[in-house]
Amino acid sequence: MDSDIELNISFRFFSLTEELSNEIKSSLKASSCRPNKKLGGFVVCVPLTPSSLEFIGSFVTSNCVEVENTDIFVSFVTEYDSRVIDLPNIITKASFSIGSPVTLSYTVV
């Protein structure tokens, strides 16, 4: 990844119960957790890494989390308004194995 790009990749759960959000927070480093006023429950955002992907996949399956209530969130900050960015393979792997959509957000500074 180019050094002028700040890239953050997270897996987001949009509507977890308090019990399930606490389970994630105790098992993984959650970068954020907040109430979801629109859908109910909690939004939990976890940095996506190879080790967290294994836990997330197992967690989604064992707790019957609806894939529609998740996504892979890719956020980047760059100085350029037009360029090609090669995203890490973990994004494709997570989307393929779990079935979550990928959401992109970018900011030009």
Protein backbone atom coordinates (compact mmCIF):
# COMPACT_ATOMS: atom_id res chain seq x y z
CA MET A 1 0.00 0.00 0.00
CA ASP A 2 1.29 3.42 -0.88
CA SER A 3 2.56 5.36 2.13
CA ASP A 4 0.36 8.37 1.32
CA ILE A 5 -2.84 6.35 1.86
CA GLU A 6 -4.33 5.73 5.28
CA LEU A 7 -6.33 2.48 4.94
CA ASN A 8 -8.59 0.98 7.62
CA ILE A 9 -10.42 -2.33 7.18
CA SER A 10 -13.06 -3.46 9.64
CA PHE A 11 -15.85 -5.98 9.91
CA ARG A 12 -19.10 -4.43 11.11
CA PHE A 13 -22.07 -6.02 12.83
CA PHE A 14 -25.13 -3.76 12.67
CA SER A 15 -27.67 -5.27 15.05
CA LEU A 16 -26.19 -7.46 17.78
CA THR A 17 -27.72 -8.09 21.16
CA GLU A 18 -25.87 -6.69 24.14
CA GLU A 19 -24.83 -10.22 25.11
CA LEU A 20 -23.33 -10.94 21.67
CA SER A 21 -21.62 -7.55 21.50
CA ASN A 22 -20.04 -8.24 24.90
CA GLU A 23 -18.87 -11.65 23.67
CA ILE A 24 -17.08 -10.03 20.72
CA LYS A 25 -15.55 -7.32 22.91
CA SER A 26 -14.21 -9.95 25.32
CA SER A 27 -12.78 -12.11 22.51
CA LEU A 28 -11.51 -9.50 20.05
CA LYS A 29 -10.33 -5.93 20.15
CA ALA A 30 -13.43 -4.01 19.05
CA SER A 31 -12.59 -0.61 17.69
CA SER A 32 -16.08 0.64 18.46
CA CYS A 33 -19.39 -0.42 19.92
CA ARG A 34 -22.48 1.76 20.05
CA PRO A 35 -26.26 1.41 20.17
CA ASN A 36 -27.97 1.22 16.77
CA LYS A 37 -30.92 3.60 17.02
CA LYS A 38 -32.28 2.62 13.61
CA LEU A 39 -32.16 -1.21 13.75
CA GLY A 40 -31.93 -1.77 17.49
CA GLY A 41 -29.17 -3.69 19.19
CA PHE A 42 -25.55 -2.66 18.88
CA VAL A 43 -23.14 -1.80 16.07
CA VAL A 44 -19.77 -3.45 16.68
CA CYS A 45 -16.76 -2.68 14.50
CA VAL A 46 -13.76 -5.04 14.59
CA PRO A 47 -10.43 -4.54 12.77
CA LEU A 48 -10.24 -7.23 10.07
CA THR A 49 -7.12 -9.36 10.36
CA PRO A 50 -6.43 -13.02 9.54
CA SER A 51 -6.95 -14.01 13.19
CA SER A 52 -10.10 -11.93 13.65
CA LEU A 53 -11.52 -13.31 10.37
CA GLU A 54 -11.40 -16.85 11.72
CA PHE A 55 -13.27 -15.81 14.89
CA ILE A 56 -15.79 -13.68 12.95
CA GLY A 57 -16.65 -16.52 10.56
CA SER A 58 -17.22 -18.90 13.44
CA PHE A 59 -19.17 -16.28 15.40
CA VAL A 60 -21.50 -15.50 12.47
CA THR A 61 -22.24 -19.20 11.93
CA SER A 62 -22.64 -20.27 15.56
CA ASN A 63 -24.84 -17.29 16.49
CA CYS A 64 -26.94 -17.31 13.28
CA VAL A 65 -26.03 -13.69 12.55
CA GLU A 66 -27.82 -12.53 9.41
CA VAL A 67 -25.20 -11.63 6.79
CA GLU A 68 -27.46 -8.75 5.70
CA ASN A 69 -26.69 -7.13 9.08
CA THR A 70 -22.93 -7.11 8.46
CA ASP A 71 -20.40 -5.61 6.09
CA ILE A 72 -16.72 -5.25 5.45
CA PHE A 73 -15.96 -1.57 5.81
CA VAL A 74 -12.97 -0.17 3.94
CA SER A 75 -12.09 3.43 4.66
CA PHE A 76 -9.17 5.32 3.19
CA VAL A 77 -7.77 8.81 3.24
CA THR A 78 -5.67 10.09 0.35
CA GLU A 79 -4.37 13.32 -1.12
CA TYR A 80 -5.55 12.38 -4.61
CA ASP A 81 -9.06 12.52 -6.05
CA SER A 82 -8.28 9.88 -8.67
CA ARG A 83 -6.06 6.82 -8.40
CA VAL A 84 -6.04 3.03 -8.34
CA ILE A 85 -5.74 1.33 -4.97
CA ASP A 86 -4.95 -2.37 -4.62
CA LEU A 87 -6.96 -3.68 -1.68
CA PRO A 88 -5.56 -6.46 0.51
CA ASN A 89 -6.68 -10.04 -0.22
CA ILE A 90 -8.25 -10.37 3.23
CA ILE A 91 -11.19 -8.30 1.97
CA THR A 92 -11.97 -10.79 -0.81
CA LYS A 93 -11.41 -13.72 1.52
CA ALA A 94 -13.79 -12.30 4.15
CA SER A 95 -16.48 -11.41 1.62
CA PHE A 96 -16.26 -14.82 -0.04
CA SER A 97 -16.18 -16.91 3.15
CA ILE A 98 -18.83 -15.01 5.13
CA GLY A 99 -20.84 -13.47 2.30
CA SER A 100 -20.80 -9.93 3.65
CA PRO A 101 -20.86 -7.01 1.20
CA VAL A 102 -17.96 -4.58 0.97
CA THR A 103 -18.60 -0.90 1.72
CA LEU A 104 -16.05 1.72 0.64
CA SER A 105 -15.57 5.17 2.12
CA TYR A 106 -12.91 7.61 1.01
CA THR A 107 -11.80 11.06 2.01
CA VAL A 108 -9.62 13.36 -0.05
CA VAL A 109 -7.51 15.71 2.06
